[in-house]
C-alpha atoms as a PDB file:
ATOM      1  CA  UNK A   1      11.010  39.100  -2.748  1.00  0.00           C
ATOM      2  CA  UNK A   2       8.851  36.014  -3.327  1.00  0.00           C
ATOM      3  CA  UNK A   3      10.178  32.737  -1.983  1.00  0.00           C
ATOM      4  CA  UNK A   4       9.360  29.555  -3.834  1.00  0.00           C
ATOM      5  CA  UNK A   5       8.212  26.691  -1.712  1.00  0.00           C
ATOM      6  CA  UNK A   6      10.332  23.574  -1.798  1.00  0.00           C
ATOM      7  CA  UNK A   7       7.635  21.703  -3.732  1.00  0.00           C
ATOM      8  CA  UNK A   8       7.840  24.142  -6.638  1.00  0.00           C
ATOM      9  CA  UNK A   9      11.544  23.526  -7.210  1.00  0.00           C
ATOM     10  CA  UNK A  10      12.371  21.379 -10.218  1.00  0.00           C
ATOM     11  CA  UNK A  11      15.627  19.492 -10.685  1.00  0.00           C
ATOM     12  CA  UNK A  12      17.352  18.308 -13.854  1.00  0.00           C
ATOM     13  CA  UNK A  13      18.403  14.710 -14.365  1.00  0.00           C
ATOM     14  CA  UNK A  14      22.074  15.506 -13.725  1.00  0.00           C
ATOM     15  CA  UNK A  15      21.249  17.258 -10.443  1.00  0.00           C
ATOM     16  CA  UNK A  16      19.089  14.368  -9.239  1.00  0.00           C
ATOM     17  CA  UNK A  17      21.700  11.809 -10.281  1.00  0.00           C
ATOM     18  CA  UNK A  18      24.331  13.704  -8.313  1.00  0.00           C
ATOM     19  CA  UNK A  19      22.057  14.113  -5.268  1.00  0.00           C
ATOM     20  CA  UNK A  20      21.400  10.371  -5.078  1.00  0.00           C
ATOM     21  CA  UNK A  21      24.826   9.251  -6.321  1.00  0.00           C
ATOM     22  CA  UNK A  22      23.423   7.298  -9.255  1.00  0.00           C
ATOM     23  CA  UNK A  23      24.029   7.400 -12.989  1.00  0.00           C
ATOM     24  CA  UNK A  24      21.556   9.388 -15.112  1.00  0.00           C
ATOM     25  CA  UNK A  25      20.942   6.181 -17.100  1.00  0.00           C
ATOM     26  CA  UNK A  26      19.529   4.639 -13.921  1.00  0.00           C
ATOM     27  CA  UNK A  27      16.949   7.418 -13.774  1.00  0.00           C
ATOM     28  CA  UNK A  28      16.116   6.892 -17.441  1.00  0.00           C
ATOM     29  CA  UNK A  29      15.686   3.157 -16.786  1.00  0.00           C
ATOM     30  CA  UNK A  30      13.350   3.844 -13.847  1.00  0.00           C
ATOM     31  CA  UNK A  31      11.348   6.080 -16.157  1.00  0.00           C
ATOM     32  CA  UNK A  32      11.195   3.399 -18.896  1.00  0.00           C
ATOM     33  CA  UNK A  33      10.001   0.905 -16.277  1.00  0.00           C
ATOM     34  CA  UNK A  34       7.260   3.342 -15.257  1.00  0.00           C
ATOM     35  CA  UNK A  35       8.547   3.731 -11.700  1.00  0.00           C
ATOM     36  CA  UNK A  36       8.983   7.501 -11.961  1.00  0.00           C
ATOM     37  CA  UNK A  37       7.444  10.037 -14.329  1.00  0.00           C
ATOM     38  CA  UNK A  38       9.321  13.335 -14.367  1.00  0.00           C
ATOM     39  CA  UNK A  39       7.809  16.385 -16.022  1.00  0.00           C
ATOM     40  CA  UNK A  40       9.256  17.673 -19.264  1.00  0.00           C
ATOM     41  CA  UNK A  41      10.197  21.228 -20.164  1.00  0.00           C
ATOM     42  CA  UNK A  42       9.286  22.716 -23.533  1.00  0.00           C
ATOM     43  CA  UNK A  43      12.701  21.549 -24.726  1.00  0.00           C
ATOM     44  CA  UNK A  44      11.879  17.974 -23.492  1.00  0.00           C
ATOM     45  CA  UNK A  45      14.350  18.187 -20.562  1.00  0.00           C
ATOM     46  CA  UNK A  46      13.372  15.960 -17.656  1.00  0.00           C
ATOM     47  CA  UNK A  47      12.357  17.967 -14.601  1.00  0.00           C
ATOM     48  CA  UNK A  48      12.026  16.220 -11.265  1.00  0.00           C
ATOM     49  CA  UNK A  49       9.797  17.598  -8.519  1.00  0.00           C
ATOM     50  CA  UNK A  50       9.886  16.890  -4.794  1.00  0.00           C
ATOM     51  CA  UNK A  51       7.327  14.055  -5.175  1.00  0.00           C
ATOM     52  CA  UNK A  52       9.615  12.404  -7.725  1.00  0.00           C
ATOM     53  CA  UNK A  53      12.548  12.643  -5.311  1.00  0.00           C
ATOM     54  CA  UNK A  54      10.477  11.066  -2.533  1.00  0.00           C
ATOM     55  CA  UNK A  55       9.508   8.206  -4.831  1.00  0.00           C
ATOM     56  CA  UNK A  56      13.103   7.806  -5.986  1.00  0.00           C
ATOM     57  CA  UNK A  57      14.212   7.591  -2.368  1.00  0.00           C
ATOM     58  CA  UNK A  58      11.740   4.734  -1.817  1.00  0.00           C
ATOM     59  CA  UNK A  59      12.955   2.958  -4.964  1.00  0.00           C
ATOM     60  CA  UNK A  60      16.592   3.247  -3.939  1.00  0.00           C
ATOM     61  CA  UNK A  61      15.889   2.085  -0.387  1.00  0.00           C
ATOM     62  CA  UNK A  62      14.071  -0.971  -1.701  1.00  0.00           C
ATOM     63  CA  UNK A  63      16.733  -1.842  -4.277  1.00  0.00           C
ATOM     64  CA  UNK A  64      19.940  -0.875  -2.454  1.00  0.00           C
ATOM     65  CA  UNK A  65      19.113  -1.609   1.167  1.00  0.00           C
ATOM     66  CA  UNK A  66      16.590  -4.408   0.829  1.00  0.00           C
ATOM     67  CA  UNK A  67      17.796  -6.083  -2.366  1.00  0.00           C
ATOM     68  CA  UNK A  68      14.387  -6.007  -4.064  1.00  0.00           C
ATOM     69  CA  UNK A  69      14.341  -6.187  -7.857  1.00  0.00           C
ATOM     70  CA  UNK A  70      12.470  -3.657 -10.013  1.00  0.00           C
ATOM     71  CA  UNK A  71       9.467  -5.945 -10.511  1.00  0.00           C
ATOM     72  CA  UNK A  72       9.128  -6.185  -6.735  1.00  0.00           C
ATOM     73  CA  UNK A  73       9.575  -2.426  -6.380  1.00  0.00           C
ATOM     74  CA  UNK A  74       6.754  -1.880  -8.874  1.00  0.00           C
ATOM     75  CA  UNK A  75       4.428  -4.155  -6.889  1.00  0.00           C
ATOM     76  CA  UNK A  76       5.343  -2.469  -3.597  1.00  0.00           C
ATOM     77  CA  UNK A  77       4.792   1.017  -4.996  1.00  0.00           C
ATOM     78  CA  UNK A  78       1.415  -0.011  -6.422  1.00  0.00           C
ATOM     79  CA  UNK A  79       0.401  -1.539  -3.072  1.00  0.00           C
ATOM     80  CA  UNK A  80       1.513   1.633  -1.252  1.00  0.00           C
ATOM     81  CA  UNK A  81      -0.677   3.736  -3.549  1.00  0.00           C
ATOM     82  CA  UNK A  82      -3.654   1.438  -2.964  1.00  0.00           C
ATOM     83  CA  UNK A  83      -3.038   1.529   0.791  1.00  0.00           C
ATOM     84  CA  UNK A  84      -2.946   5.343   0.814  1.00  0.00           C
ATOM     85  CA  UNK A  85      -6.184   5.446  -1.190  1.00  0.00           C
ATOM     86  CA  UNK A  86      -7.842   2.963   1.178  1.00  0.00           C
ATOM     87  CA  UNK A  87      -6.762   5.026   4.182  1.00  0.00           C
ATOM     88  CA  UNK A  88      -8.212   8.176   2.600  1.00  0.00           C
ATOM     89  CA  UNK A  89     -11.499   6.382   1.940  1.00  0.00           C
ATOM     90  CA  UNK A  90     -11.614   5.055   5.508  1.00  0.00           C
ATOM     91  CA  UNK A  91     -11.062   8.557   6.864  1.00  0.00           C
ATOM     92  CA  UNK A  92     -13.910   9.833   4.682  1.00  0.00           C
ATOM     93  CA  UNK A  93     -16.138   7.009   5.894  1.00  0.00           C
ATOM     94  CA  UNK A  94     -15.263   7.799   9.516  1.00  0.00           C
ATOM     95  CA  UNK A  95     -16.308  11.405   8.911  1.00  0.00           C
ATOM     96  CA  UNK A  96     -19.625  10.262   7.459  1.00  0.00           C
ATOM     97  CA  UNK A  97     -20.255   7.761  10.249  1.00  0.00           C
ATOM     98  CA  UNK A  98     -19.527  10.323  12.940  1.00  0.00           C
ATOM     99  CA  UNK A  99     -21.712  13.016  11.373  1.00  0.00           C
ATOM    100  CA  UNK A 100     -24.973  14.151  12.949  1.00  0.00           C
ATOM    101  CA  UNK A 101     -26.849  13.431   9.722  1.00  0.00           C
ATOM    102  CA  UNK A 102     -25.769   9.793   9.755  1.00  0.00           C
ATOM    103  CA  UNK A 103     -26.732   9.456  13.422  1.00  0.00           C
ATOM    104  CA  UNK A 104     -30.226  10.715  12.610  1.00  0.00           C
ATOM    105  CA  UNK A 105     -30.449   8.271   9.690  1.00  0.00           C
ATOM    106  CA  UNK A 106     -29.289   5.377  11.897  1.00  0.00           C
ATOM    107  CA  UNK A 107     -31.903   6.196  14.507  1.00  0.00           C
ATOM    108  CA  UNK A 108     -34.637   6.332  11.850  1.00  0.00           C
ATOM    109  CA  UNK A 109     -33.639   2.895  10.548  1.00  0.00           C
ATOM    110  CA  UNK A 110     -33.537   1.407  14.058  1.00  0.00           C
ATOM    111  CA  UNK A 111     -37.016   2.720  14.801  1.00  0.00           C
ATOM    112  CA  UNK A 112     -38.493   2.037  11.363  1.00  0.00           C
ATOM    113  CA  UNK A 113     -41.841   0.306  11.060  1.00  0.00           C
ATOM    114  CA  UNK A 114     -43.700  -0.701   7.885  1.00  0.00           C
ATOM    115  CA  UNK A 115     -46.314   2.010   8.403  1.00  0.00           C
ATOM    116  CA  UNK A 116     -43.544   4.655   8.320  1.00  0.00           C
ATOM    117  CA  UNK A 117     -42.630   3.789   4.698  1.00  0.00           C
ATOM    118  CA  UNK A 118     -39.236   2.691   5.910  1.00  0.00           C
ATOM    119  CA  UNK A 119     -36.376   1.994   3.539  1.00  0.00           C
ATOM    120  CA  UNK A 120     -36.049  -1.456   5.068  1.00  0.00           C
ATOM    121  CA  UNK A 121     -39.372  -2.779   6.340  1.00  0.00           C
ATOM    122  CA  UNK A 122     -38.954  -4.703   9.556  1.00  0.00           C
ATOM    123  CA  UNK A 123     -41.737  -7.210   8.763  1.00  0.00           C
ATOM    124  CA  UNK A 124     -43.388  -8.530   5.660  1.00  0.00           C
ATOM    125  CA  UNK A 125     -40.383 -10.151   4.041  1.00  0.00           C
ATOM    126  CA  UNK A 126     -40.639 -13.854   3.255  1.00  0.00           C
ATOM    127  CA  UNK A 127     -37.794 -16.247   2.617  1.00  0.00           C
ATOM    128  CA  UNK A 128     -38.197 -18.691  -0.205  1.00  0.00           C
ATOM    129  CA  UNK A 129     -36.240 -21.852  -0.756  1.00  0.00           C
ATOM    130  CA  UNK A 130     -35.003 -22.177  -4.309  1.00  0.00           C
ATOM    131  CA  UNK A 131     -34.395 -25.500  -5.991  1.00  0.00           C
ATOM    132  CA  UNK A 132     -31.202 -25.783  -7.994  1.00  0.00           C
ATOM    133  CA  UNK A 133     -31.314 -27.446 -11.349  1.00  0.00           C
ATOM    134  CA  UNK A 134     -28.650 -30.063 -11.881  1.00  0.00           C
END
């Protein structure tokens, strides 16, 4: 017997509405506003996955508990997505910066001289003062 993981389970609009004690029209409104995007079956029935339920829980917490309107919820959700993306990028950068290859590169740059065909020559650059036209 094969067990389906919780993330593979899909819920209908009536099931989700009952789970969260909201009217199905509320879910439809959230969808119209672009706050949630449930999948659709071949018969066009809305199917909600675990990620949709997590997002819905955030929406309801913000609106019910914190009194934030839907425009504010949209901004918060967008900022959360950007924050998660920034965190992922920072983690990737940390991996790069802690790698042996980067350490070798850093040491080469620190010890670079013009005769080594360095990426950034340590001497030879001249600063020029530019005059602005008025």
